[in-house]
Amino acid sequence: MALIIAVLYFGLMELMMIDSSRALAEARRFRARIVATTLAENAAELAAMHVATPGVPKSVTPPLVDDQGTMRWAIQGSPEAFQIRGEGETTGIVVTRAVVEVAGRVEEGKIVIERTIHSQ
């Protein structure tokens, strides 16, 4: 009787370990997706700041790297009609990449956003 109870107990423990491993992997993927999206949005905001500032070069930047991941941004077009592309890539166990694209124009010193596209 004790052997049967022990086998059932260890089987239950194994199922709990499998479930917790799956939940941990799912949480890692979710966190990586959120961090990548945040990095891409921050990169797009940095690029928008450069659109609004006259005289600042509007080109591809070198990657900005921190503990969370890497940000890149690029601006194409003229000040009247521009397109911003922000990219974010996480570091760590789960590497995830996200892209944000913003299209707009500058009218009378104001930035007008026409459309945005978010990956994922």
PDB file of N, CA and C in Angstrom:
ATOM      1  N   MET A   1       0.813  -1.194   0.000  1.00  0.00           N
ATOM      2  CA  MET A   1       0.000   0.000   0.000  1.00  0.00           C
ATOM      3  C   MET A   1       0.866   1.271   0.000  1.00  0.00           C
ATOM      4  N   ALA A   2       1.951   1.231   0.802  1.00  0.00           N
ATOM      5  CA  ALA A   2       2.839   2.385   0.896  1.00  0.00           C
ATOM      6  C   ALA A   2       3.520   2.638  -0.444  1.00  0.00           C
ATOM      7  N   LEU A   3       3.881   1.579  -1.168  1.00  0.00           N
ATOM      8  CA  LEU A   3       4.509   1.748  -2.487  1.00  0.00           C
ATOM      9  C   LEU A   3       3.548   2.388  -3.479  1.00  0.00           C
ATOM     10  N   ILE A   4       2.317   2.012  -3.485  1.00  0.00           N
ATOM     11  CA  ILE A   4       1.322   2.590  -4.393  1.00  0.00           C
ATOM     12  C   ILE A   4       1.126   4.069  -4.071  1.00  0.00           C
ATOM     13  N   ILE A   5       1.018   4.411  -2.802  1.00  0.00           N
ATOM     14  CA  ILE A   5       0.860   5.813  -2.405  1.00  0.00           C
ATOM     15  C   ILE A   5       2.098   6.616  -2.793  1.00  0.00           C
ATOM     16  N   ALA A   6       3.293   6.042  -2.607  1.00  0.00           N
ATOM     17  CA  ALA A   6       4.537   6.737  -2.970  1.00  0.00           C
ATOM     18  C   ALA A   6       4.605   6.984  -4.468  1.00  0.00           C
ATOM     19  N   VAL A   7       4.222   5.991  -5.273  1.00  0.00           N
ATOM     20  CA  VAL A   7       4.239   6.153  -6.737  1.00  0.00           C
ATOM     21  C   VAL A   7       3.248   7.232  -7.151  1.00  0.00           C
ATOM     22  N   LEU A   8       2.056   7.227  -6.594  1.00  0.00           N
ATOM     23  CA  LEU A   8       1.064   8.249  -6.910  1.00  0.00           C
ATOM     24  C   LEU A   8       1.547   9.637  -6.462  1.00  0.00           C
ATOM     25  N   TYR A   9       2.181   9.709  -5.305  1.00  0.00           N
ATOM     26  CA  TYR A   9       2.691  10.976  -4.795  1.00  0.00           C
ATOM     27  C   TYR A   9       3.767  11.532  -5.717  1.00  0.00           C
ATOM     28  N   PHE A  10       4.731  10.686  -6.106  1.00  0.00           N
ATOM     29  CA  PHE A  10       5.795  11.150  -6.994  1.00  0.00           C
ATOM     30  C   PHE A  10       5.265  11.486  -8.385  1.00  0.00           C
ATOM     31  N   GLY A  11       4.258  10.769  -8.837  1.00  0.00           N
ATOM     32  CA  GLY A  11       3.618  11.108 -10.118  1.00  0.00           C
ATOM     33  C   GLY A  11       2.954  12.471 -10.060  1.00  0.00           C
ATOM     34  N   LEU A  12       2.283  12.747  -8.947  1.00  0.00           N
ATOM     35  CA  LEU A  12       1.651  14.055  -8.768  1.00  0.00           C
ATOM     36  C   LEU A  12       2.695  15.165  -8.708  1.00  0.00           C
ATOM     37  N   MET A  13       3.805  14.922  -8.022  1.00  0.00           N
ATOM     38  CA  MET A  13       4.887  15.909  -7.944  1.00  0.00           C
ATOM     39  C   MET A  13       5.470  16.183  -9.339  1.00  0.00           C
ATOM     40  N   GLU A  14       5.633  15.142 -10.145  1.00  0.00           N
ATOM     41  CA  GLU A  14       6.159  15.312 -11.511  1.00  0.00           C
ATOM     42  C   GLU A  14       5.206  16.153 -12.356  1.00  0.00           C
ATOM     43  N   LEU A  15       3.913  15.912 -12.243  1.00  0.00           N
ATOM     44  CA  LEU A  15       2.936  16.711 -12.977  1.00  0.00           C
ATOM     45  C   LEU A  15       2.982  18.173 -12.543  1.00  0.00           C
ATOM     46  N   MET A  16       3.154  18.424 -11.267  1.00  0.00           N
ATOM     47  CA  MET A  16       3.247  19.801 -10.787  1.00  0.00           C
ATOM     48  C   MET A  16       4.510  20.470 -11.312  1.00  0.00           C
ATOM     49  N   MET A  17       5.611  19.737 -11.375  1.00  0.00           N
ATOM     50  CA  MET A  17       6.852  20.305 -11.905  1.00  0.00           C
ATOM     51  C   MET A  17       6.727  20.620 -13.394  1.00  0.00           C
ATOM     52  N   ILE A  18       6.086  19.756 -14.138  1.00  0.00           N
ATOM     53  CA  ILE A  18       5.882  19.993 -15.570  1.00  0.00           C
ATOM     54  C   ILE A  18       5.016  21.225 -15.782  1.00  0.00           C
ATOM     55  N   ASP A  19       3.953  21.348 -14.998  1.00  0.00           N
ATOM     56  CA  ASP A  19       3.061  22.495 -15.131  1.00  0.00           C
ATOM     57  C   ASP A  19       3.761  23.797 -14.753  1.00  0.00           C
ATOM     58  N   SER A  20       4.548  23.787 -13.691  1.00  0.00           N
ATOM     59  CA  SER A  20       5.252  25.012 -13.297  1.00  0.00           C
ATOM     60  C   SER A  20       6.326  25.379 -14.320  1.00  0.00           C
ATOM     61  N   SER A  21       6.979  24.419 -14.942  1.00  0.00           N
ATOM     62  CA  SER A  21       7.962  24.711 -15.992  1.00  0.00           C
ATOM     63  C   SER A  21       7.294  25.346 -17.204  1.00  0.00           C
ATOM     64  N   ARG A  22       6.134  24.843 -17.560  1.00  0.00           N
ATOM     65  CA  ARG A  22       5.389  25.418 -18.676  1.00  0.00           C
ATOM     66  C   ARG A  22       4.953  26.847 -18.364  1.00  0.00           C
ATOM     67  N   ALA A  23       4.478  27.066 -17.140  1.00  0.00           N
ATOM     68  CA  ALA A  23       4.043  28.414 -16.742  1.00  0.00           C
ATOM     69  C   ALA A  23       5.218  29.382 -16.727  1.00  0.00           C
ATOM     70  N   LEU A  24       6.382  28.930 -16.280  1.00  0.00           N
ATOM     71  CA  LEU A  24       7.569  29.783 -16.267  1.00  0.00           C
ATOM     72  C   LEU A  24       7.992  30.153 -17.686  1.00  0.00           C
ATOM     73  N   ALA A  25       7.982  29.185 -18.592  1.00  0.00           N
ATOM     74  CA  ALA A  25       8.340  29.470 -19.988  1.00  0.00           C
ATOM     75  C   ALA A  25       7.348  30.447 -20.619  1.00  0.00           C
ATOM     76  N   GLU A  26       6.074  30.286 -20.323  1.00  0.00           N
ATOM     77  CA  GLU A  26       5.056  31.195 -20.845  1.00  0.00           C
ATOM     78  C   GLU A  26       5.255  32.612 -20.293  1.00  0.00           C
ATOM     79  N   ALA A  27       5.579  32.725 -19.014  1.00  0.00           N
ATOM     80  CA  ALA A  27       5.826  34.037 -18.415  1.00  0.00           C
ATOM     81  C   ALA A  27       7.056  34.700 -19.031  1.00  0.00           C
ATOM     82  N   ARG A  28       8.100  33.924 -19.306  1.00  0.00           N
ATOM     83  CA  ARG A  28       9.295  34.479 -19.951  1.00  0.00           C
ATOM     84  C   ARG A  28       8.978  35.018 -21.343  1.00  0.00           C
ATOM     85  N   ARG A  29       8.197  34.257 -22.106  1.00  0.00           N
ATOM     86  CA  ARG A  29       7.827  34.712 -23.454  1.00  0.00           C
ATOM     87  C   ARG A  29       6.985  35.981 -23.392  1.00  0.00           C
ATOM     88  N   PHE A  30       6.041  36.036 -22.461  1.00  0.00           N
ATOM     89  CA  PHE A  30       5.188  37.215 -22.311  1.00  0.00           C
ATOM     90  C   PHE A  30       6.027  38.437 -21.948  1.00  0.00           C
ATOM     91  N   ARG A  31       6.925  38.296 -20.982  1.00  0.00           N
ATOM     92  CA  ARG A  31       7.774  39.406 -20.567  1.00  0.00           C
ATOM     93  C   ARG A  31       8.654  39.874 -21.724  1.00  0.00           C
ATOM     94  N   ALA A  32       9.237  38.944 -22.456  1.00  0.00           N
ATOM     95  CA  ALA A  32      10.095  39.314 -23.588  1.00  0.00           C
ATOM     96  C   ALA A  32       9.300  40.071 -24.647  1.00  0.00           C
ATOM     97  N   ARG A  33       8.068  39.651 -24.896  1.00  0.00           N
ATOM     98  CA  ARG A  33       7.228  40.335 -25.880  1.00  0.00           C
ATOM     99  C   ARG A  33       6.905  41.763 -25.439  1.00  0.00           C
ATOM    100  N   ILE A  34       6.586  41.947 -24.157  1.00  0.00           N
ATOM    101  CA  ILE A  34       6.277  43.277 -23.634  1.00  0.00           C
ATOM    102  C   ILE A  34       7.519  44.168 -23.678  1.00  0.00           C
ATOM    103  N   VAL A  35       8.666  43.646 -23.272  1.00  0.00           N
ATOM    104  CA  VAL A  35       9.901  44.437 -23.280  1.00  0.00           C
ATOM    105  C   VAL A  35      10.283  44.824 -24.699  1.00  0.00           C
ATOM    106  N   ALA A  36      10.177  43.897 -25.654  1.00  0.00           N
ATOM    107  CA  ALA A  36      10.513  44.202 -27.052  1.00  0.00           C
ATOM    108  C   ALA A  36       9.588  45.287 -27.606  1.00  0.00           C
ATOM    109  N   THR A  37       8.308  45.198 -27.314  1.00  0.00           N
ATOM    110  CA  THR A  37       7.363  46.214 -27.780  1.00  0.00           C
ATOM    111  C   THR A  37       7.670  47.568 -27.157  1.00  0.00           C
ATOM    112  N   THR A  38       7.988  47.591 -25.875  1.00  0.00           N
ATOM    113  CA  THR A  38       8.325  48.841 -25.196  1.00  0.00           C
ATOM    114  C   THR A  38       9.596  49.454 -25.780  1.00  0.00           C
ATOM    115  N   LEU A  39      10.610  48.631 -26.046  1.00  0.00           N
ATOM    116  CA  LEU A  39      11.841  49.135 -26.654  1.00  0.00           C
ATOM    117  C   LEU A  39      11.568  49.730 -28.033  1.00  0.00           C
ATOM    118  N   ALA A  40      10.742  49.064 -28.831  1.00  0.00           N
ATOM    119  CA  ALA A  40      10.429  49.567 -30.171  1.00  0.00           C
ATOM    120  C   ALA A  40       9.664  50.890 -30.091  1.00  0.00           C
ATOM    121  N   GLU A  41       8.719  50.989 -29.161  1.00  0.00           N
ATOM    122  CA  GLU A  41       7.974  52.239 -29.006  1.00  0.00           C
ATOM    123  C   GLU A  41       8.876  53.372 -28.517  1.00  0.00           C
ATOM    124  N   ASN A  42       9.795  53.056 -27.605  1.00  0.00           N
ATOM    125  CA  ASN A  42      10.732  54.076 -27.133  1.00  0.00           C
ATOM    126  C   ASN A  42      11.637  54.548 -28.269  1.00  0.00           C
ATOM    127  N   ALA A  43      12.066  53.625 -29.122  1.00  0.00           N
ATOM    128  CA  ALA A  43      12.896  54.005 -30.268  1.00  0.00           C
ATOM    129  C   ALA A  43      12.123  54.917 -31.214  1.00  0.00           C
ATOM    130  N   ALA A  44      10.844  54.609 -31.445  1.00  0.00           N
ATOM    131  CA  ALA A  44      10.021  55.461 -32.306  1.00  0.00           C
ATOM    132  C   ALA A  44       9.834  56.842 -31.689  1.00  0.00           C
ATOM    133  N   GLU A  45       9.700  56.917 -30.364  1.00  0.00           N
ATOM    134  CA  GLU A  45       9.571  58.219 -29.703  1.00  0.00           C
ATOM    135  C   GLU A  45      10.861  59.036 -29.818  1.00  0.00           C
ATOM    136  N   LEU A  46      12.008  58.373 -29.700  1.00  0.00           N
ATOM    137  CA  LEU A  46      13.280  59.076 -29.897  1.00  0.00           C
ATOM    138  C   LEU A  46      13.376  59.637 -31.312  1.00  0.00           C
ATOM    139  N   ALA A  47      12.955  58.839 -32.278  1.00  0.00           N
ATOM    140  CA  ALA A  47      12.984  59.309 -33.662  1.00  0.00           C
ATOM    141  C   ALA A  47      12.026  60.481 -33.857  1.00  0.00           C
ATOM    142  N   ALA A  48      10.854  60.422 -33.236  1.00  0.00           N
ATOM    143  CA  ALA A  48       9.893  61.528 -33.350  1.00  0.00           C
ATOM    144  C   ALA A  48      10.455  62.804 -32.751  1.00  0.00           C
ATOM    145  N   MET A  49      11.227  62.672 -31.692  1.00  0.00           N
ATOM    146  CA  MET A  49      11.868  63.840 -31.112  1.00  0.00           C
ATOM    147  C   MET A  49      12.836  64.472 -32.119  1.00  0.00           C
ATOM    148  N   HIS A  50      13.523  63.642 -32.894  1.00  0.00           N
ATOM    149  CA  HIS A  50      14.451  64.154 -33.897  1.00  0.00           C
ATOM    150  C   HIS A  50      13.708  64.801 -35.068  1.00  0.00           C
ATOM    151  N   VAL A  51      12.513  64.304 -35.378  1.00  0.00           N
ATOM    152  CA  VAL A  51      11.721  64.924 -36.441  1.00  0.00           C
ATOM    153  C   VAL A  51      11.307  66.324 -36.013  1.00  0.00           C
ATOM    154  N   ALA A  52      10.952  66.461 -34.743  1.00  0.00           N
ATOM    155  CA  ALA A  52      10.467  67.747 -34.249  1.00  0.00           C
ATOM    156  C   ALA A  52      11.584  68.763 -34.029  1.00  0.00           C
ATOM    157  N   THR A  53      12.835  68.298 -33.941  1.00  0.00           N
ATOM    158  CA  THR A  53      13.954  69.199 -33.684  1.00  0.00           C
ATOM    159  C   THR A  53      14.639  69.549 -34.995  1.00  0.00           C
ATOM    160  N   PRO A  54      14.587  70.792 -35.420  1.00  0.00           N
ATOM    161  CA  PRO A  54      15.235  71.152 -36.677  1.00  0.00           C
ATOM    162  C   PRO A  54      16.754  71.075 -36.562  1.00  0.00           C
ATOM    163  N   GLY A  55      17.384  70.707 -37.670  1.00  0.00           N
ATOM    164  CA  GLY A  55      18.833  70.666 -37.736  1.00  0.00           C
ATOM    165  C   GLY A  55      19.464  69.387 -37.224  1.00  0.00           C
ATOM    166  N   VAL A  56      18.670  68.462 -36.702  1.00  0.00           N
ATOM    167  CA  VAL A  56      19.215  67.193 -36.218  1.00  0.00           C
ATOM    168  C   VAL A  56      19.238  66.212 -37.379  1.00  0.00           C
ATOM    169  N   PRO A  57      20.346  65.492 -37.575  1.00  0.00           N
ATOM    170  CA  PRO A  57      20.394  64.538 -38.691  1.00  0.00           C
ATOM    171  C   PRO A  57      19.311  63.478 -38.553  1.00  0.00           C
ATOM    172  N   LYS A  58      18.691  63.194 -39.654  1.00  0.00           N
ATOM    173  CA  LYS A  58      17.595  62.231 -39.652  1.00  0.00           C
ATOM    174  C   LYS A  58      18.018  61.011 -40.458  1.00  0.00           C
ATOM    175  N   SER A  59      18.610  60.069 -39.777  1.00  0.00           N
ATOM    176  CA  SER A  59      19.104  58.872 -40.451  1.00  0.00           C
ATOM    177  C   SER A  59      19.022  57.707 -39.483  1.00  0.00           C
ATOM    178  N   VAL A  60      19.604  56.605 -39.872  1.00  0.00           N
ATOM    179  CA  VAL A  60      19.618  55.421 -39.021  1.00  0.00           C
ATOM    180  C   VAL A  60      20.606  55.663 -37.877  1.00  0.00           C
ATOM    181  N   THR A  61      20.197  55.298 -36.679  1.00  0.00           N
ATOM    182  CA  THR A  61      21.073  55.475 -35.531  1.00  0.00           C
ATOM    183  C   THR A  61      21.822  54.186 -35.241  1.00  0.00           C
ATOM    184  N   PRO A  62      22.954  54.298 -34.555  1.00  0.00           N
ATOM    185  CA  PRO A  62      23.571  53.071 -34.055  1.00  0.00           C
ATOM    186  C   PRO A  62      22.683  52.497 -32.965  1.00  0.00           C
ATOM    187  N   PRO A  63      22.728  51.206 -32.747  1.00  0.00           N
ATOM    188  CA  PRO A  63      21.854  50.613 -31.737  1.00  0.00           C
ATOM    189  C   PRO A  63      22.145  51.166 -30.339  1.00  0.00           C
ATOM    190  N   LEU A  64      21.095  51.386 -29.579  1.00  0.00           N
ATOM    191  CA  LEU A  64      21.209  51.774 -28.178  1.00  0.00           C
ATOM    192  C   LEU A  64      20.973  50.511 -27.351  1.00  0.00           C
ATOM    193  N   VAL A  65      21.941  50.135 -26.530  1.00  0.00           N
ATOM    194  CA  VAL A  65      21.892  48.860 -25.813  1.00  0.00           C
ATOM    195  C   VAL A  65      21.842  49.128 -24.311  1.00  0.00           C
ATOM    196  N   ASP A  66      20.960  48.391 -23.623  1.00  0.00           N
ATOM    197  CA  ASP A  66      20.952  48.402 -22.162  1.00  0.00           C
ATOM    198  C   ASP A  66      20.724  46.975 -21.669  1.00  0.00           C
ATOM    199  N   ASP A  67      20.435  46.817 -20.381  1.00  0.00           N
ATOM    200  CA  ASP A  67      20.266  45.483 -19.805  1.00  0.00           C
ATOM    201  C   ASP A  67      19.050  44.744 -20.367  1.00  0.00           C
ATOM    202  N   GLN A  68      18.043  45.491 -20.829  1.00  0.00           N
ATOM    203  CA  GLN A  68      16.817  44.872 -21.314  1.00  0.00           C
ATOM    204  C   GLN A  68      16.923  44.425 -22.771  1.00  0.00           C
ATOM    205  N   GLY A  69      17.677  45.174 -23.575  1.00  0.00           N
ATOM    206  CA  GLY A  69      17.771  44.823 -24.991  1.00  0.00           C
ATOM    207  C   GLY A  69      18.372  45.939 -25.817  1.00  0.00           C
ATOM    208  N   THR A  70      18.008  45.940 -27.089  1.00  0.00           N
ATOM    209  CA  THR A  70      18.579  46.871 -28.060  1.00  0.00           C
ATOM    210  C   THR A  70      17.467  47.647 -28.749  1.00  0.00           C
ATOM    211  N   MET A  71      17.703  48.965 -28.946  1.00  0.00           N
ATOM    212  CA  MET A  71      16.769  49.821 -29.678  1.00  0.00           C
ATOM    213  C   MET A  71      17.472  50.370 -30.908  1.00  0.00           C
ATOM    214  N   ARG A  72      16.734  50.441 -32.017  1.00  0.00           N
ATOM    215  CA  ARG A  72      17.217  51.095 -33.232  1.00  0.00           C
ATOM    216  C   ARG A  72      16.068  51.912 -33.803  1.00  0.00           C
ATOM    217  N   TRP A  73      16.397  52.991 -34.463  1.00  0.00           N
ATOM    218  CA  TRP A  73      15.362  53.751 -35.156  1.00  0.00           C
ATOM    219  C   TRP A  73      15.922  54.338 -36.422  1.00  0.00           C
ATOM    220  N   ALA A  74      15.011  54.603 -37.350  1.00  0.00           N
ATOM    221  CA  ALA A  74      15.378  55.224 -38.624  1.00  0.00           C
ATOM    222  C   ALA A  74      14.235  56.126 -39.065  1.00  0.00           C
ATOM    223  N   ILE A  75      14.612  57.216 -39.736  1.00  0.00           N
ATOM    224  CA  ILE A  75      13.628  58.144 -40.289  1.00  0.00           C
ATOM    225  C   ILE A  75      13.850  58.213 -41.784  1.00  0.00           C
ATOM    226  N   GLN A  76      12.773  58.086 -42.537  1.00  0.00           N
ATOM    227  CA  GLN A  76      12.845  58.207 -43.993  1.00  0.00           C
ATOM    228  C   GLN A  76      11.884  59.295 -44.435  1.00  0.00           C
ATOM    229  N   GLY A  77      12.180  59.873 -45.579  1.00  0.00           N
ATOM    230  CA  GLY A  77      11.301  60.884 -46.147  1.00  0.00           C
ATOM    231  C   GLY A  77      11.752  62.277 -45.778  1.00  0.00           C
ATOM    232  N   SER A  78      10.901  63.225 -46.060  1.00  0.00           N
ATOM    233  CA  SER A  78      11.194  64.632 -45.796  1.00  0.00           C
ATOM    234  C   SER A  78      10.413  65.071 -44.555  1.00  0.00           C
ATOM    235  N   PRO A  79      10.684  66.273 -44.053  1.00  0.00           N
ATOM    236  CA  PRO A  79       9.910  66.741 -42.896  1.00  0.00           C
ATOM    237  C   PRO A  79       8.416  66.868 -43.197  1.00  0.00           C
ATOM    238  N   GLU A  80       8.075  67.117 -44.458  1.00  0.00           N
ATOM    239  CA  GLU A  80       6.646  67.240 -44.784  1.00  0.00           C
ATOM    240  C   GLU A  80       5.933  65.895 -44.712  1.00  0.00           C
ATOM    241  N   ALA A  81       6.624  64.812 -45.086  1.00  0.00           N
ATOM    242  CA  ALA A  81       6.044  63.467 -45.029  1.00  0.00           C
ATOM    243  C   ALA A  81       7.154  62.509 -44.601  1.00  0.00           C
ATOM    244  N   PHE A  82       7.051  61.983 -43.403  1.00  0.00           N
ATOM    245  CA  PHE A  82       8.109  61.132 -42.871  1.00  0.00           C
ATOM    246  C   PHE A  82       7.564  59.758 -42.501  1.00  0.00           C
ATOM    247  N   GLN A  83       8.494  58.819 -42.374  1.00  0.00           N
ATOM    248  CA  GLN A  83       8.163  57.498 -41.882  1.00  0.00           C
ATOM    249  C   GLN A  83       9.238  57.103 -40.877  1.00  0.00           C
ATOM    250  N   ILE A  84       8.805  56.739 -39.684  1.00  0.00           N
ATOM    251  CA  ILE A  84       9.699  56.341 -38.607  1.00  0.00           C
ATOM    252  C   ILE A  84       9.575  54.838 -38.415  1.00  0.00           C
ATOM    253  N   ARG A  85      10.721  54.199 -38.227  1.00  0.00           N
ATOM    254  CA  ARG A  85      10.730  52.764 -37.923  1.00  0.00           C
ATOM    255  C   ARG A  85      11.535  52.564 -36.648  1.00  0.00           C
ATOM    256  N   GLY A  86      10.880  52.069 -35.612  1.00  0.00           N
ATOM    257  CA  GLY A  86      11.548  51.759 -34.348  1.00  0.00           C
ATOM    258  C   GLY A  86      11.590  50.255 -34.165  1.00  0.00           C
ATOM    259  N   GLU A  87      12.754  49.741 -33.786  1.00  0.00           N
ATOM    260  CA  GLU A  87      12.916  48.305 -33.572  1.00  0.00           C
ATOM    261  C   GLU A  87      13.425  48.053 -32.170  1.00  0.00           C
ATOM    262  N   GLY A  88      12.915  47.017 -31.545  1.00  0.00           N
ATOM    263  CA  GLY A  88      13.369  46.607 -30.224  1.00  0.00           C
ATOM    264  C   GLY A  88      13.625  45.119 -30.209  1.00  0.00           C
ATOM    265  N   GLU A  89      14.733  44.722 -29.585  1.00  0.00           N
ATOM    266  CA  GLU A  89      15.070  43.305 -29.466  1.00  0.00           C
ATOM    267  C   GLU A  89      15.549  43.049 -28.043  1.00  0.00           C
ATOM    268  N   THR A  90      14.969  42.044 -27.408  1.00  0.00           N
ATOM    269  CA  THR A  90      15.306  41.751 -26.023  1.00  0.00           C
ATOM    270  C   THR A  90      16.580  40.923 -25.937  1.00  0.00           C
ATOM    271  N   THR A  91      17.183  40.957 -24.761  1.00  0.00           N
ATOM    272  CA  THR A  91      18.300  40.072 -24.463  1.00  0.00           C
ATOM    273  C   THR A  91      17.830  39.090 -23.405  1.00  0.00           C
ATOM    274  N   GLY A  92      18.559  38.021 -23.227  1.00  0.00           N
ATOM    275  CA  GLY A  92      18.204  37.064 -22.192  1.00  0.00           C
ATOM    276  C   GLY A  92      17.901  35.698 -22.764  1.00  0.00           C
ATOM    277  N   ILE A  93      17.174  34.925 -21.988  1.00  0.00           N
ATOM    278  CA  ILE A  93      16.864  33.550 -22.378  1.00  0.00           C
ATOM    279  C   ILE A  93      15.960  33.520 -23.602  1.00  0.00           C
ATOM    280  N   VAL A  94      14.927  34.341 -23.587  1.00  0.00           N
ATOM    281  CA  VAL A  94      13.990  34.419 -24.711  1.00  0.00           C
ATOM    282  C   VAL A  94      14.269  35.720 -25.462  1.00  0.00           C
ATOM    283  N   VAL A  95      14.742  35.613 -26.696  1.00  0.00           N
ATOM    284  CA  VAL A  95      15.019  36.788 -27.517  1.00  0.00           C
ATOM    285  C   VAL A  95      13.813  37.037 -28.410  1.00  0.00           C
ATOM    286  N   THR A  96      13.236  38.229 -28.286  1.00  0.00           N
ATOM    287  CA  THR A  96      12.055  38.602 -29.056  1.00  0.00           C
ATOM    288  C   THR A  96      12.310  39.932 -29.733  1.00  0.00           C
ATOM    289  N   ARG A  97      11.741  40.103 -30.918  1.00  0.00           N
ATOM    290  CA  ARG A  97      11.934  41.327 -31.692  1.00  0.00           C
ATOM    291  C   ARG A  97      10.569  41.942 -31.990  1.00  0.00           C
ATOM    292  N   ALA A  98      10.490  43.274 -31.901  1.00  0.00           N
ATOM    293  CA  ALA A  98       9.254  43.989 -32.215  1.00  0.00           C
ATOM    294  C   ALA A  98       9.589  45.204 -33.069  1.00  0.00           C
ATOM    295  N   VAL A  99       8.631  45.599 -33.894  1.00  0.00           N
ATOM    296  CA  VAL A  99       8.808  46.737 -34.798  1.00  0.00           C
ATOM    297  C   VAL A  99       7.593  47.654 -34.677  1.00  0.00           C
ATOM    298  N   VAL A 100       7.868  48.963 -34.646  1.00  0.00           N
ATOM    299  CA  VAL A 100       6.816  49.977 -34.672  1.00  0.00           C
ATOM    300  C   VAL A 100       7.109  50.895 -35.848  1.00  0.00           C
ATOM    301  N   GLU A 101       6.114  51.108 -36.699  1.00  0.00           N
ATOM    302  CA  GLU A 101       6.261  52.029 -37.822  1.00  0.00           C
ATOM    303  C   GLU A 101       5.233  53.142 -37.670  1.00  0.00           C
ATOM    304  N   VAL A 102       5.698  54.371 -37.838  1.00  0.00           N
ATOM    305  CA  VAL A 102       4.841  55.541 -37.706  1.00  0.00           C
ATOM    306  C   VAL A 102       4.990  56.374 -38.971  1.00  0.00           C
ATOM    307  N   ALA A 103       3.890  56.717 -39.605  1.00  0.00           N
ATOM    308  CA  ALA A 103       3.907  57.580 -40.790  1.00  0.00           C
ATOM    309  C   ALA A 103       3.147  58.858 -40.459  1.00  0.00           C
ATOM    310  N   GLY A 104       3.704  59.967 -40.883  1.00  0.00           N
ATOM    311  CA  GLY A 104       3.055  61.236 -40.599  1.00  0.00           C
ATOM    312  C   GLY A 104       3.672  62.369 -41.385  1.00  0.00           C
ATOM    313  N   ARG A 105       3.348  63.570 -40.941  1.00  0.00           N
ATOM    314  CA  ARG A 105       3.852  64.770 -41.612  1.00  0.00           C
ATOM    315  C   ARG A 105       3.948  65.902 -40.586  1.00  0.00           C
ATOM    316  N   VAL A 106       4.663  66.948 -40.972  1.00  0.00           N
ATOM    317  CA  VAL A 106       4.782  68.126 -40.117  1.00  0.00           C
ATOM    318  C   VAL A 106       4.020  69.258 -40.783  1.00  0.00           C
ATOM    319  N   GLU A 107       3.043  69.802 -40.061  1.00  0.00           N
ATOM    320  CA  GLU A 107       2.248  70.924 -40.563  1.00  0.00           C
ATOM    321  C   GLU A 107       2.353  72.079 -39.585  1.00  0.00           C
ATOM    322  N   GLU A 108       2.872  73.180 -40.038  1.00  0.00           N
ATOM    323  CA  GLU A 108       2.969  74.399 -39.237  1.00  0.00           C
ATOM    324  C   GLU A 108       3.626  74.139 -37.882  1.00  0.00           C
ATOM    325  N   GLY A 109       4.703  73.366 -37.888  1.00  0.00           N
ATOM    326  CA  GLY A 109       5.437  73.080 -36.660  1.00  0.00           C
ATOM    327  C   GLY A 109       4.834  72.003 -35.779  1.00  0.00           C
ATOM    328  N   LYS A 110       3.732  71.401 -36.198  1.00  0.00           N
ATOM    329  CA  LYS A 110       3.091  70.345 -35.418  1.00  0.00           C
ATOM    330  C   LYS A 110       3.247  69.016 -36.149  1.00  0.00           C
ATOM    331  N   ILE A 111       3.502  67.974 -35.401  1.00  0.00           N
ATOM    332  CA  ILE A 111       3.615  66.640 -35.983  1.00  0.00           C
ATOM    333  C   ILE A 111       2.228  66.016 -36.049  1.00  0.00           C
ATOM    334  N   VAL A 112       1.857  65.540 -37.239  1.00  0.00           N
ATOM    335  CA  VAL A 112       0.573  64.884 -37.448  1.00  0.00           C
ATOM    336  C   VAL A 112       0.848  63.415 -37.781  1.00  0.00           C
ATOM    337  N   ILE A 113       0.332  62.516 -36.972  1.00  0.00           N
ATOM    338  CA  ILE A 113       0.507  61.088 -37.197  1.00  0.00           C
ATOM    339  C   ILE A 113      -0.660  60.586 -38.038  1.00  0.00           C
ATOM    340  N   GLU A 114      -0.339  59.964 -39.166  1.00  0.00           N
ATOM    341  CA  GLU A 114      -1.390  59.433 -40.044  1.00  0.00           C
ATOM    342  C   GLU A 114      -1.713  57.980 -39.763  1.00  0.00           C
ATOM    343  N   ARG A 115      -0.667  57.186 -39.476  1.00  0.00           N
ATOM    344  CA  ARG A 115      -0.917  55.764 -39.167  1.00  0.00           C
ATOM    345  C   ARG A 115       0.241  55.192 -38.379  1.00  0.00           C
ATOM    346  N   THR A 116      -0.046  54.153 -37.626  1.00  0.00           N
ATOM    347  CA  THR A 116       0.995  53.413 -36.908  1.00  0.00           C
ATOM    348  C   THR A 116       0.774  51.921 -37.136  1.00  0.00           C
ATOM    349  N   ILE A 117       1.856  51.197 -37.178  1.00  0.00           N
ATOM    350  CA  ILE A 117       1.801  49.731 -37.326  1.00  0.00           C
ATOM    351  C   ILE A 117       2.690  49.132 -36.258  1.00  0.00           C
ATOM    352  N   HIS A 118       2.131  48.199 -35.490  1.00  0.00           N
ATOM    353  CA  HIS A 118       2.884  47.497 -34.441  1.00  0.00           C
ATOM    354  C   HIS A 118       2.970  46.024 -34.808  1.00  0.00           C
ATOM    355  N   SER A 119       4.156  45.456 -34.693  1.00  0.00           N
ATOM    356  CA  SER A 119       4.297  44.017 -34.932  1.00  0.00           C
ATOM    357  C   SER A 119       3.745  43.249 -33.741  1.00  0.00           C
ATOM    358  N   GLN A 120       3.617  41.946 -33.920  1.00  0.00           N
ATOM    359  CA  GLN A 120       3.114  41.020 -32.915  1.00  0.00           C
ATOM    360  C   GLN A 120       1.643  41.169 -32.804  1.00  0.00           C
TER     361      GLN A 120
END
